Amino acid sequence: MQPLLIFAQIIIMTDSRDIVAQLMEEVEREKRRRVEEVERLEEEVGVEKRRRAELEEELARLGGPVTETTPAAVPIGGYASQRLVDCKAAFCDRYVSREGSLSPETFMSIMTIAADQGASTSVGALTQSSGWGKSRFFFEVSQKFRCLYISMGDSASTYPKQTDNYVPLGRILGADGSDPDLVVSHLMNCLAQYLNRASEDAYIRALTNTEWFAYQLEEWNPGYDVKIVEKVLPPLSRADARTNLAAAISTFKGCYQVGCALILCDEAAALLKPFGTTGPPQFRLFRRAFTLMGITACFASTQSKVQNFAPALHRDESYKEYTLTRLEQPWMPSPFLAINPVDLRVDAVPYPLSLGDLHSARNLAQFGRPLWWSFARHMTSNDTDSTSVLLAIARDKLNFAHGEWAGVAAVMIVAAVKPTPSVELAENLVHSHMATLVHVSKNRELLYTEYASEPYLAEASCMYLQRSFGPALKQLIRALPDYVLYLLGSVV
């Protein structure tokens, strides 16, 4: 019995030594694997650092930060006034309309209905984030129908620039030493003069719609015959102003065979300044000029909140006037949202592509809003890195350096997080962080937003989260109680 025990002990000791040896080998293999993993990660970090350094050098060479204005504003810095994109060419690009896009004919029919509402002022709002072609859509409408186009922006870096026909209107709105009702009377009279000159001038009548739009954009300076002394307008009765405007509307409609006199107001954020120091926004005074039947306006602006030009109905003065007239079915036009197709020209790509072509700016620019495709086509220099420029534009337009919702926007883009329909959060995401407005409730009190799959927005968001993940996470956590976020789980 004793020899058997000794033999068993020897076997156990031998097995133990083998197990220990195996464990030691596994430990050594794990050490080598971890060392190799660390070396690989260090190499990847080095590559990423070099890539970022090259990108920053390229962006610095291209001229510094991108301006925030739209529709075609891109870096104009360092090198005096060098533009990275031919703004005018980008603006004039023609897009292929698809199902779900807003057509000029549909738009005009709705605005004609608005113009025929006699109970109050019914005006339109073209409301969407940057890059969807609001200004270009006004151009398309003007090609189909005879309209008045007014660009109100005052930045030298935008296209379209401020048109000369806004200057007299701006002077009237700036006459804050006058009674607001007198200001409205002069606005009516000024618009009447514009319509009369457009109808009576033989040169203008001979222009095609496209030529007329270009003439307004670059040359037309109708002026307004009024003398403003110390911000005080001369007397003008409302009755006379209404009579003049009504006659001008009738002449314009008959001359050009249109359903209404439509005024297209681009970069309309200029109207959000208060009248005087404590008065209402100038927009409210300007809108009162359209109380006559047969005339209306549509306002477009990116750098403003959705409800600036399409307020909730309980705050809309025009809707209140409707209710005072006791109409059974008061009608107000909803904001215009779906103005251009998404993923422009993707159907025309001969897939499959090589890996290099797949990641090229030419291919990536076809996804998302038309901005990327248009900008990629119209770089001003052949040696310009399109990817770097478009990424710089995306980073600037996402505006991550400002606003309490920047981190939430970055997470939404990368992780496909959607907020509960709201106003405060949705408006900030649309006008400051490139969110797409997809629906506005009937009473305009709920706004639905989303971020579609756009490569340049996703890349810019990833770069931001790599640098500022902590602050972004804190912003997201703070948003949870008030804006219950729906995590969809998909990744862009």
Foldseek 3Di string as FASTA:
>chain_A
DVVVVVVVVVVVVVVVVVVVVVVVVVVVVVVVVVVVVVVVVVVVVVVVVVVVVVLVVQCVVVADAWDQFDDQTGHQHDVHRDGQFPQVQLLQDDFDFDPPADALVNVQVVVLVQLQDQLFFFAAEADFAYQQRPVSLVLRNLQVAPAAEAEDDPDPRYPLHGFQLCVQLVLLLQLLVEDLVQSLLQLLQSVLQVLCCCLPPPVNLPDHSNVNVVCRSPPDNSDDPFDADNSYGDDDDSVVSVVSNVVSFVSNCVRGVGSAHEYEYEQPVVQQDARPDPHHGNVVSNSRSSSHRRYYYYYYHLQDFPCVRPNQLVPDPRNVSVVVVVDPDDDHDDHHARHHDFLTPLVVDPDDDDPVVCPALCNLLSGGHVNSNSRLVGGPDPPRRSLSRLLSVLLVQQQLVDDLCSLVLLCCQFQVKFWFWARPVVRCCGRRGRWGFDDADPSRGTTGTHHDNRVSNNVSSVVVCVVPVPSSVVSVVVVCVPTPMDGPGDGD
